[in-house]
Amino acid sequence: YHNNLFPLAGIRLAAKEKLEIPLLFMPAEMKIYKAVLVIHVMRENGENWPYEVTTESNTDLNRNVIIAENGETEGILWTYPINGTPEAPQQKSVVIRCQARQRLEQRVELLLIGVMPAATGLPGAGNSATVNTDESSNTPEVTDGSSATLEFLYELRYQSDEIRSQLESLVGMELVEREWDTESRIVTLIFNVVFAPSKPMRNEATVVIQCTAGGLWKFPLVFIATEPEVDDVINIEAVGLNKESIVGIKLTSQTR
């Protein structure tokens, strides 16, 4: 974080004036980066605030107030923790194509490049895949030469609520296998994707994968449902000119 290299000193602010602090994030590796932005404010004339910190004062305020010898407030600190998550470049789209009213199961391999072997805990959310070297673990083993556990959180995100309502009940995604190449630092996650469209469509979604050691990967998926097979051919024979011919057919509703 480059803001650590340029301390903000001597900036004058009037009452209720805004201060914009630019941050530049240039990650070199796919790992978690942490920094702390600290802002220290004092009166320009050097005088203190008459506010006195007491035991009844707000706890968070007490922690960020600098007290002078006479008990008055000499300065105030604001501390902002910053967590940086590197994101891999946009990947090429994976096309899932199926005829309407059919069911497709497709094996999809997603390559996570630059995975760091060291793992740090992140709060679990959504689906997760654990790459573990512990032989006693119930999860599939991947030997990576260390005792660290790599966990991946994956989620299928949609571009809008409308697309979600169209695709959510038609698409299923399950992690079935993972491979870890120590030399290239590439983890391959293999998913089984199920697509069972009920009508022709073309919609997009994104598989978002996050590693507990740091790093974010996004893989676009394009779901295409082509025209279904013809149900039947109805032949109507004419009984004569200017006379009606009638054929009866039965239709079954798929819903209530």
C-alpha atoms as a PDB file:
ATOM      1  CA  TYR A   1       0.000   0.000   0.000  1.00  0.00           C
ATOM      2  CA  HIS A   2       1.678   3.126  -1.208  1.00  0.00           C
ATOM      3  CA  ASN A   3      -0.115   5.392   1.249  1.00  0.00           C
ATOM      4  CA  ASN A   4       2.288   4.098   3.919  1.00  0.00           C
ATOM      5  CA  LEU A   5       5.164   5.677   2.015  1.00  0.00           C
ATOM      6  CA  PHE A   6       3.656   9.138   1.989  1.00  0.00           C
ATOM      7  CA  PRO A   7       2.575  10.260   5.472  1.00  0.00           C
ATOM      8  CA  LEU A   8      -0.055  13.003   5.472  1.00  0.00           C
ATOM      9  CA  ALA A   9       1.546  15.826   7.416  1.00  0.00           C
ATOM     10  CA  GLY A  10       0.635  19.476   7.721  1.00  0.00           C
ATOM     11  CA  ILE A  11      -2.716  19.265   5.921  1.00  0.00           C
ATOM     12  CA  ARG A  12      -5.069  22.056   6.987  1.00  0.00           C
ATOM     13  CA  LEU A  13      -8.784  21.403   7.156  1.00  0.00           C
ATOM     14  CA  ALA A  14     -11.521  23.905   7.832  1.00  0.00           C
ATOM     15  CA  ALA A  15     -14.627  22.985   9.827  1.00  0.00           C
ATOM     16  CA  LYS A  16     -16.703  20.277   8.068  1.00  0.00           C
ATOM     17  CA  GLU A  17     -14.222  20.143   5.198  1.00  0.00           C
ATOM     18  CA  LYS A  18     -13.644  16.812   3.447  1.00  0.00           C
ATOM     19  CA  LEU A  19     -10.282  15.092   3.051  1.00  0.00           C
ATOM     20  CA  GLU A  20      -9.784  12.596   0.241  1.00  0.00           C
ATOM     21  CA  ILE A  21      -6.971  10.073   0.713  1.00  0.00           C
ATOM     22  CA  PRO A  22      -6.053   8.142  -2.456  1.00  0.00           C
ATOM     23  CA  LEU A  23      -4.932   4.521  -2.095  1.00  0.00           C
ATOM     24  CA  LEU A  24      -2.904   2.654  -4.688  1.00  0.00           C
ATOM     25  CA  PHE A  25      -2.899  -1.145  -4.513  1.00  0.00           C
ATOM     26  CA  MET A  26      -0.397  -3.038  -6.696  1.00  0.00           C
ATOM     27  CA  PRO A  27      -0.216  -6.668  -5.469  1.00  0.00           C
ATOM     28  CA  ALA A  28       2.781  -8.706  -6.589  1.00  0.00           C
ATOM     29  CA  GLU A  29       1.405 -12.086  -5.484  1.00  0.00           C
ATOM     30  CA  MET A  30      -1.923 -13.777  -4.879  1.00  0.00           C
ATOM     31  CA  LYS A  31      -1.957 -13.384  -1.114  1.00  0.00           C
ATOM     32  CA  ILE A  32      -3.671 -11.258   1.515  1.00  0.00           C
ATOM     33  CA  TYR A  33      -2.211  -7.798   2.032  1.00  0.00           C
ATOM     34  CA  LYS A  34      -2.976  -5.822   5.181  1.00  0.00           C
ATOM     35  CA  ALA A  35      -2.298  -2.223   6.108  1.00  0.00           C
ATOM     36  CA  VAL A  36      -3.556   0.349   8.589  1.00  0.00           C
ATOM     37  CA  LEU A  37      -4.380   3.939   7.708  1.00  0.00           C
ATOM     38  CA  VAL A  38      -3.948   6.224  10.718  1.00  0.00           C
ATOM     39  CA  ILE A  39      -5.111   9.861  10.687  1.00  0.00           C
ATOM     40  CA  HIS A  40      -3.965  12.156  13.476  1.00  0.00           C
ATOM     41  CA  VAL A  41      -5.648  15.540  13.932  1.00  0.00           C
ATOM     42  CA  MET A  42      -4.544  18.433  16.167  1.00  0.00           C
ATOM     43  CA  ARG A  43      -5.503  22.082  16.383  1.00  0.00           C
ATOM     44  CA  GLU A  44      -3.344  24.303  14.204  1.00  0.00           C
ATOM     45  CA  ASN A  45      -2.718  26.773  17.012  1.00  0.00           C
ATOM     46  CA  GLY A  46      -1.575  23.981  19.313  1.00  0.00           C
ATOM     47  CA  GLU A  47      -4.395  24.498  21.813  1.00  0.00           C
ATOM     48  CA  ASN A  48      -6.181  21.564  23.385  1.00  0.00           C
ATOM     49  CA  TRP A  49      -9.863  20.692  23.365  1.00  0.00           C
ATOM     50  CA  PRO A  50     -11.597  21.227  26.685  1.00  0.00           C
ATOM     51  CA  TYR A  51     -13.125  17.766  26.447  1.00  0.00           C
ATOM     52  CA  GLU A  52     -12.033  15.575  29.342  1.00  0.00           C
ATOM     53  CA  VAL A  53     -12.026  11.798  29.127  1.00  0.00           C
ATOM     54  CA  THR A  54     -13.820  10.119  32.012  1.00  0.00           C
ATOM     55  CA  THR A  55     -14.706   6.567  32.903  1.00  0.00           C
ATOM     56  CA  GLU A  56     -18.237   7.211  31.606  1.00  0.00           C
ATOM     57  CA  SER A  57     -16.970   8.382  28.200  1.00  0.00           C
ATOM     58  CA  ASN A  58     -17.411   6.341  25.057  1.00  0.00           C
ATOM     59  CA  THR A  59     -14.942   3.431  25.023  1.00  0.00           C
ATOM     60  CA  ASP A  60     -14.074   3.754  21.338  1.00  0.00           C
ATOM     61  CA  LEU A  61     -13.527   7.490  21.757  1.00  0.00           C
ATOM     62  CA  ASN A  62     -11.241   6.975  24.744  1.00  0.00           C
ATOM     63  CA  ARG A  63      -9.097   4.602  22.742  1.00  0.00           C
ATOM     64  CA  ASN A  64      -8.527   7.186  20.004  1.00  0.00           C
ATOM     65  CA  VAL A  65      -8.024  10.322  22.093  1.00  0.00           C
ATOM     66  CA  ILE A  66      -4.579  11.660  23.029  1.00  0.00           C
ATOM     67  CA  ILE A  67      -4.675  13.199  26.504  1.00  0.00           C
ATOM     68  CA  ALA A  68      -2.490  16.118  27.562  1.00  0.00           C
ATOM     69  CA  GLU A  69      -0.993  16.502  31.064  1.00  0.00           C
ATOM     70  CA  ASN A  70      -3.861  18.740  32.194  1.00  0.00           C
ATOM     71  CA  GLY A  71      -6.432  16.113  31.180  1.00  0.00           C
ATOM     72  CA  GLU A  72      -7.622  17.919  28.086  1.00  0.00           C
ATOM     73  CA  THR A  73      -7.666  16.430  24.601  1.00  0.00           C
ATOM     74  CA  GLU A  74      -4.475  17.077  22.665  1.00  0.00           C
ATOM     75  CA  GLY A  75      -5.284  15.095  19.524  1.00  0.00           C
ATOM     76  CA  ILE A  76      -7.600  12.531  17.985  1.00  0.00           C
ATOM     77  CA  LEU A  77      -6.682   9.402  16.021  1.00  0.00           C
ATOM     78  CA  TRP A  78      -8.731   7.622  13.384  1.00  0.00           C
ATOM     79  CA  THR A  79      -7.565   4.120  12.510  1.00  0.00           C
ATOM     80  CA  TYR A  80      -8.801   2.340   9.377  1.00  0.00           C
ATOM     81  CA  PRO A  81      -7.697  -1.293   8.825  1.00  0.00           C
ATOM     82  CA  ILE A  82      -7.314  -2.068   5.110  1.00  0.00           C
ATOM     83  CA  ASN A  83      -7.346  -5.576   3.644  1.00  0.00           C
ATOM     84  CA  GLY A  84      -6.242  -6.007   0.039  1.00  0.00           C
ATOM     85  CA  THR A  85      -7.340  -9.011  -2.019  1.00  0.00           C
ATOM     86  CA  PRO A  86      -5.558  -9.510  -5.368  1.00  0.00           C
ATOM     87  CA  GLU A  87      -7.820 -10.445  -8.262  1.00  0.00           C
ATOM     88  CA  ALA A  88      -6.667 -12.494 -11.224  1.00  0.00           C
ATOM     89  CA  PRO A  89      -7.179 -11.101 -14.752  1.00  0.00           C
ATOM     90  CA  GLN A  90     -10.510 -11.813 -16.402  1.00  0.00           C
ATOM     91  CA  GLN A  91     -10.676 -15.360 -17.749  1.00  0.00           C
ATOM     92  CA  LYS A  92     -12.226 -16.592 -21.003  1.00  0.00           C
ATOM     93  CA  SER A  93     -15.879 -17.568 -20.926  1.00  0.00           C
ATOM     94  CA  VAL A  94     -16.870 -21.211 -20.534  1.00  0.00           C
ATOM     95  CA  VAL A  95     -19.894 -22.053 -22.692  1.00  0.00           C
ATOM     96  CA  ILE A  96     -22.489 -24.515 -21.371  1.00  0.00           C
ATOM     97  CA  ARG A  97     -24.815 -25.454 -24.262  1.00  0.00           C
ATOM     98  CA  CYS A  98     -27.878 -27.679 -23.983  1.00  0.00           C
ATOM     99  CA  GLN A  99     -31.081 -28.243 -25.927  1.00  0.00           C
ATOM    100  CA  ALA A 100     -34.216 -27.036 -24.178  1.00  0.00           C
ATOM    101  CA  ARG A 101     -36.093 -29.748 -22.236  1.00  0.00           C
ATOM    102  CA  GLN A 102     -32.907 -31.820 -22.033  1.00  0.00           C
ATOM    103  CA  ARG A 103     -30.426 -32.283 -19.169  1.00  0.00           C
ATOM    104  CA  LEU A 104     -26.668 -31.752 -19.557  1.00  0.00           C
ATOM    105  CA  GLU A 105     -23.848 -32.691 -17.174  1.00  0.00           C
ATOM    106  CA  GLN A 106     -20.541 -31.097 -18.113  1.00  0.00           C
ATOM    107  CA  ARG A 107     -17.109 -31.338 -16.492  1.00  0.00           C
ATOM    108  CA  VAL A 108     -15.550 -27.880 -16.131  1.00  0.00           C
ATOM    109  CA  GLU A 109     -11.902 -27.379 -15.137  1.00  0.00           C
ATOM    110  CA  LEU A 110     -10.949 -23.988 -13.670  1.00  0.00           C
ATOM    111  CA  LEU A 111      -7.238 -23.140 -13.252  1.00  0.00           C
ATOM    112  CA  LEU A 112      -6.222 -20.942 -10.312  1.00  0.00           C
ATOM    113  CA  ILE A 113      -2.801 -19.500 -11.168  1.00  0.00           C
ATOM    114  CA  GLY A 114      -0.395 -18.177  -8.534  1.00  0.00           C
ATOM    115  CA  VAL A 115      -1.876 -19.847  -5.441  1.00  0.00           C
ATOM    116  CA  MET A 116       0.277 -19.267  -2.347  1.00  0.00           C
ATOM    117  CA  PRO A 117       0.945 -22.356  -0.177  1.00  0.00           C
ATOM    118  CA  ALA A 118       0.587 -20.511   3.136  1.00  0.00           C
ATOM    119  CA  ALA A 119      -2.978 -20.442   4.422  1.00  0.00           C
ATOM    120  CA  THR A 120      -4.601 -17.959   6.766  1.00  0.00           C
ATOM    121  CA  GLY A 121      -8.052 -18.288   8.197  1.00  0.00           C
ATOM    122  CA  LEU A 122     -10.945 -16.415   6.655  1.00  0.00           C
ATOM    123  CA  PRO A 123     -14.535 -16.571   7.857  1.00  0.00           C
ATOM    124  CA  GLY A 124     -16.227 -19.341   5.936  1.00  0.00           C
ATOM    125  CA  ALA A 125     -19.140 -18.439   3.673  1.00  0.00           C
ATOM    126  CA  GLY A 126     -21.040 -20.275   0.999  1.00  0.00           C
ATOM    127  CA  ASN A 127     -19.572 -23.398  -0.550  1.00  0.00           C
ATOM    128  CA  SER A 128     -16.009 -24.375   0.277  1.00  0.00           C
ATOM    129  CA  ALA A 129     -13.438 -26.796  -1.037  1.00  0.00           C
ATOM    130  CA  THR A 130     -10.539 -27.893   1.153  1.00  0.00           C
ATOM    131  CA  VAL A 131      -7.187 -28.982  -0.267  1.00  0.00           C
ATOM    132  CA  ASN A 132      -5.553 -30.784   2.647  1.00  0.00           C
ATOM    133  CA  THR A 133      -2.316 -32.721   3.145  1.00  0.00           C
ATOM    134  CA  ASP A 134      -3.449 -34.350   6.387  1.00  0.00           C
ATOM    135  CA  GLU A 135      -3.880 -38.090   5.777  1.00  0.00           C
ATOM    136  CA  SER A 136      -6.488 -38.368   8.514  1.00  0.00           C
ATOM    137  CA  SER A 137      -8.725 -35.811   6.837  1.00  0.00           C
ATOM    138  CA  ASN A 138     -11.943 -36.888   5.139  1.00  0.00           C
ATOM    139  CA  THR A 139     -11.386 -34.405   2.323  1.00  0.00           C
ATOM    140  CA  PRO A 140      -9.624 -35.497  -0.881  1.00  0.00           C
ATOM    141  CA  GLU A 141      -5.859 -35.315  -0.501  1.00  0.00           C
ATOM    142  CA  VAL A 142      -3.509 -33.168  -2.541  1.00  0.00           C
ATOM    143  CA  THR A 143       0.189 -33.389  -1.681  1.00  0.00           C
ATOM    144  CA  ASP A 144       1.721 -29.926  -1.726  1.00  0.00           C
ATOM    145  CA  GLY A 145       4.828 -30.507   0.383  1.00  0.00           C
ATOM    146  CA  SER A 146       3.601 -28.560   3.407  1.00  0.00           C
ATOM    147  CA  SER A 147       1.238 -29.054   6.315  1.00  0.00           C
ATOM    148  CA  ALA A 148      -0.824 -25.984   5.421  1.00  0.00           C
ATOM    149  CA  THR A 149      -4.456 -26.345   4.496  1.00  0.00           C
ATOM    150  CA  LEU A 150      -5.724 -24.477   1.453  1.00  0.00           C
ATOM    151  CA  GLU A 151      -9.411 -23.734   1.453  1.00  0.00           C
ATOM    152  CA  PHE A 152     -11.359 -22.295  -1.456  1.00  0.00           C
ATOM    153  CA  LEU A 153     -14.731 -20.607  -1.234  1.00  0.00           C
ATOM    154  CA  TYR A 154     -16.753 -20.646  -4.450  1.00  0.00           C
ATOM    155  CA  GLU A 155     -19.994 -18.980  -5.413  1.00  0.00           C
ATOM    156  CA  LEU A 156     -22.072 -18.685  -8.585  1.00  0.00           C
ATOM    157  CA  ARG A 157     -23.061 -15.050  -9.064  1.00  0.00           C
ATOM    158  CA  TYR A 158     -25.642 -13.697 -11.495  1.00  0.00           C
ATOM    159  CA  GLN A 159     -25.671 -10.349 -13.270  1.00  0.00           C
ATOM    160  CA  SER A 160     -29.145  -9.427 -12.023  1.00  0.00           C
ATOM    161  CA  ASP A 161     -32.005 -10.744  -9.919  1.00  0.00           C
ATOM    162  CA  GLU A 162     -33.937 -11.410 -13.114  1.00  0.00           C
ATOM    163  CA  ILE A 163     -31.207 -13.689 -14.463  1.00  0.00           C
ATOM    164  CA  ARG A 164     -30.944 -15.351 -11.049  1.00  0.00           C
ATOM    165  CA  SER A 165     -34.664 -16.164 -11.107  1.00  0.00           C
ATOM    166  CA  GLN A 166     -34.283 -17.673 -14.591  1.00  0.00           C
ATOM    167  CA  LEU A 167     -31.145 -19.733 -13.948  1.00  0.00           C
ATOM    168  CA  GLU A 168     -31.051 -20.631 -10.262  1.00  0.00           C
ATOM    169  CA  SER A 169     -33.459 -23.569 -10.518  1.00  0.00           C
ATOM    170  CA  LEU A 170     -31.957 -24.760 -13.827  1.00  0.00           C
ATOM    171  CA  VAL A 171     -28.253 -24.813 -12.906  1.00  0.00           C
ATOM    172  CA  GLY A 172     -26.354 -26.949 -10.419  1.00  0.00           C
ATOM    173  CA  MET A 173     -22.639 -26.810  -9.652  1.00  0.00           C
ATOM    174  CA  GLU A 174     -20.582 -29.167  -7.473  1.00  0.00           C
ATOM    175  CA  LEU A 175     -16.856 -29.454  -6.883  1.00  0.00           C
ATOM    176  CA  VAL A 176     -15.763 -33.045  -7.569  1.00  0.00           C
ATOM    177  CA  GLU A 177     -11.959 -32.910  -7.719  1.00  0.00           C
ATOM    178  CA  ARG A 178      -8.940 -30.638  -7.086  1.00  0.00           C
ATOM    179  CA  GLU A 179      -5.310 -30.861  -8.077  1.00  0.00           C
ATOM    180  CA  TRP A 180      -2.322 -28.892  -6.742  1.00  0.00           C
ATOM    181  CA  ASP A 181       0.854 -28.414  -8.810  1.00  0.00           C
ATOM    182  CA  THR A 182       3.596 -27.183  -6.461  1.00  0.00           C
ATOM    183  CA  GLU A 183       6.074 -26.171  -9.159  1.00  0.00           C
ATOM    184  CA  SER A 184       3.736 -24.004 -11.225  1.00  0.00           C
ATOM    185  CA  ARG A 185       1.616 -22.992  -8.200  1.00  0.00           C
ATOM    186  CA  ILE A 186      -1.537 -23.835 -10.126  1.00  0.00           C
ATOM    187  CA  VAL A 187      -4.584 -25.343  -8.458  1.00  0.00           C
ATOM    188  CA  THR A 188      -7.105 -27.007 -10.759  1.00  0.00           C
ATOM    189  CA  LEU A 189     -10.663 -27.170  -9.474  1.00  0.00           C
ATOM    190  CA  ILE A 190     -12.892 -29.578 -11.396  1.00  0.00           C
ATOM    191  CA  PHE A 191     -16.632 -28.949 -11.216  1.00  0.00           C
ATOM    192  CA  ASN A 192     -19.614 -30.952 -12.366  1.00  0.00           C
ATOM    193  CA  VAL A 193     -22.091 -28.484 -13.883  1.00  0.00           C
ATOM    194  CA  VAL A 194     -25.701 -29.533 -14.482  1.00  0.00           C
ATOM    195  CA  PHE A 195     -27.883 -27.507 -16.869  1.00  0.00           C
ATOM    196  CA  ALA A 196     -31.533 -28.450 -17.443  1.00  0.00           C
ATOM    197  CA  PRO A 197     -33.213 -25.607 -19.359  1.00  0.00           C
ATOM    198  CA  SER A 198     -36.962 -25.618 -19.911  1.00  0.00           C
ATOM    199  CA  LYS A 199     -36.986 -23.158 -22.834  1.00  0.00           C
ATOM    200  CA  PRO A 200     -34.516 -21.486 -25.237  1.00  0.00           C
ATOM    201  CA  MET A 201     -32.342 -18.840 -23.576  1.00  0.00           C
ATOM    202  CA  ARG A 202     -28.905 -17.267 -23.347  1.00  0.00           C
ATOM    203  CA  ASN A 203     -27.759 -16.035 -19.937  1.00  0.00           C
ATOM    204  CA  GLU A 204     -24.471 -15.401 -18.178  1.00  0.00           C
ATOM    205  CA  ALA A 205     -23.160 -16.041 -14.675  1.00  0.00           C
ATOM    206  CA  THR A 206     -19.776 -15.843 -12.952  1.00  0.00           C
ATOM    207  CA  VAL A 207     -18.003 -18.389 -10.775  1.00  0.00           C
ATOM    208  CA  VAL A 208     -16.172 -16.442  -8.065  1.00  0.00           C
ATOM    209  CA  ILE A 209     -13.461 -18.375  -6.197  1.00  0.00           C
ATOM    210  CA  GLN A 210     -11.563 -17.049  -3.185  1.00  0.00           C
ATOM    211  CA  CYS A 211      -8.582 -18.713  -1.509  1.00  0.00           C
ATOM    212  CA  THR A 212      -8.022 -18.410   2.224  1.00  0.00           C
ATOM    213  CA  ALA A 213      -4.328 -17.779   1.552  1.00  0.00           C
ATOM    214  CA  GLY A 214      -5.348 -14.807  -0.593  1.00  0.00           C
ATOM    215  CA  GLY A 215      -6.499 -14.265  -4.127  1.00  0.00           C
ATOM    216  CA  LEU A 216      -9.720 -13.931  -6.079  1.00  0.00           C
ATOM    217  CA  TRP A 217     -10.513 -15.580  -9.416  1.00  0.00           C
ATOM    218  CA  LYS A 218     -13.566 -14.975 -11.624  1.00  0.00           C
ATOM    219  CA  PHE A 219     -14.662 -17.281 -14.429  1.00  0.00           C
ATOM    220  CA  PRO A 220     -17.550 -16.223 -16.705  1.00  0.00           C
ATOM    221  CA  LEU A 221     -20.051 -18.921 -17.668  1.00  0.00           C
ATOM    222  CA  VAL A 222     -22.421 -18.618 -20.624  1.00  0.00           C
ATOM    223  CA  PHE A 223     -25.544 -20.810 -20.484  1.00  0.00           C
ATOM    224  CA  ILE A 224     -27.146 -21.373 -23.887  1.00  0.00           C
ATOM    225  CA  ALA A 225     -30.357 -23.354 -24.355  1.00  0.00           C
ATOM    226  CA  THR A 226     -31.176 -24.118 -27.987  1.00  0.00           C
ATOM    227  CA  GLU A 227     -34.582 -24.841 -29.533  1.00  0.00           C
ATOM    228  CA  PRO A 228     -36.189 -28.076 -28.270  1.00  0.00           C
ATOM    229  CA  GLU A 229     -37.174 -31.061 -30.354  1.00  0.00           C
ATOM    230  CA  VAL A 230     -40.524 -30.899 -32.125  1.00  0.00           C
ATOM    231  CA  ASP A 231     -43.148 -32.564 -29.941  1.00  0.00           C
ATOM    232  CA  ASP A 232     -45.328 -33.856 -32.708  1.00  0.00           C
ATOM    233  CA  VAL A 233     -46.527 -33.242 -36.275  1.00  0.00           C
ATOM    234  CA  ILE A 234     -50.230 -32.525 -36.730  1.00  0.00           C
ATOM    235  CA  ASN A 235     -51.716 -33.436 -40.112  1.00  0.00           C
ATOM    236  CA  ILE A 236     -55.111 -31.978 -41.032  1.00  0.00           C
ATOM    237  CA  GLU A 237     -56.873 -33.358 -44.073  1.00  0.00           C
ATOM    238  CA  ALA A 238     -59.224 -31.077 -45.957  1.00  0.00           C
ATOM    239  CA  VAL A 239     -62.759 -32.398 -46.399  1.00  0.00           C
ATOM    240  CA  GLY A 240     -63.553 -29.933 -49.147  1.00  0.00           C
ATOM    241  CA  LEU A 241     -63.351 -26.304 -50.219  1.00  0.00           C
ATOM    242  CA  ASN A 242     -64.675 -23.760 -47.709  1.00  0.00           C
ATOM    243  CA  LYS A 243     -65.272 -26.538 -45.175  1.00  0.00           C
ATOM    244  CA  GLU A 244     -63.659 -26.814 -41.730  1.00  0.00           C
ATOM    245  CA  SER A 245     -61.454 -29.736 -40.741  1.00  0.00           C
ATOM    246  CA  ILE A 246     -60.942 -30.399 -37.027  1.00  0.00           C
ATOM    247  CA  VAL A 247     -58.230 -32.416 -35.272  1.00  0.00           C
ATOM    248  CA  GLY A 248     -58.197 -32.905 -31.504  1.00  0.00           C
ATOM    249  CA  ILE A 249     -54.941 -32.847 -29.531  1.00  0.00           C
ATOM    250  CA  LYS A 250     -54.137 -33.154 -25.822  1.00  0.00           C
ATOM    251  CA  LEU A 251     -51.800 -30.725 -23.989  1.00  0.00           C
ATOM    252  CA  THR A 252     -50.386 -31.411 -20.551  1.00  0.00           C
ATOM    253  CA  SER A 253     -49.421 -28.464 -18.355  1.00  0.00           C
ATOM    254  CA  GLN A 254     -46.017 -28.748 -16.640  1.00  0.00           C
ATOM    255  CA  THR A 255     -47.177 -26.512 -13.773  1.00  0.00           C
ATOM    256  CA  ARG A 256     -50.384 -25.734 -11.911  1.00  0.00           C
END
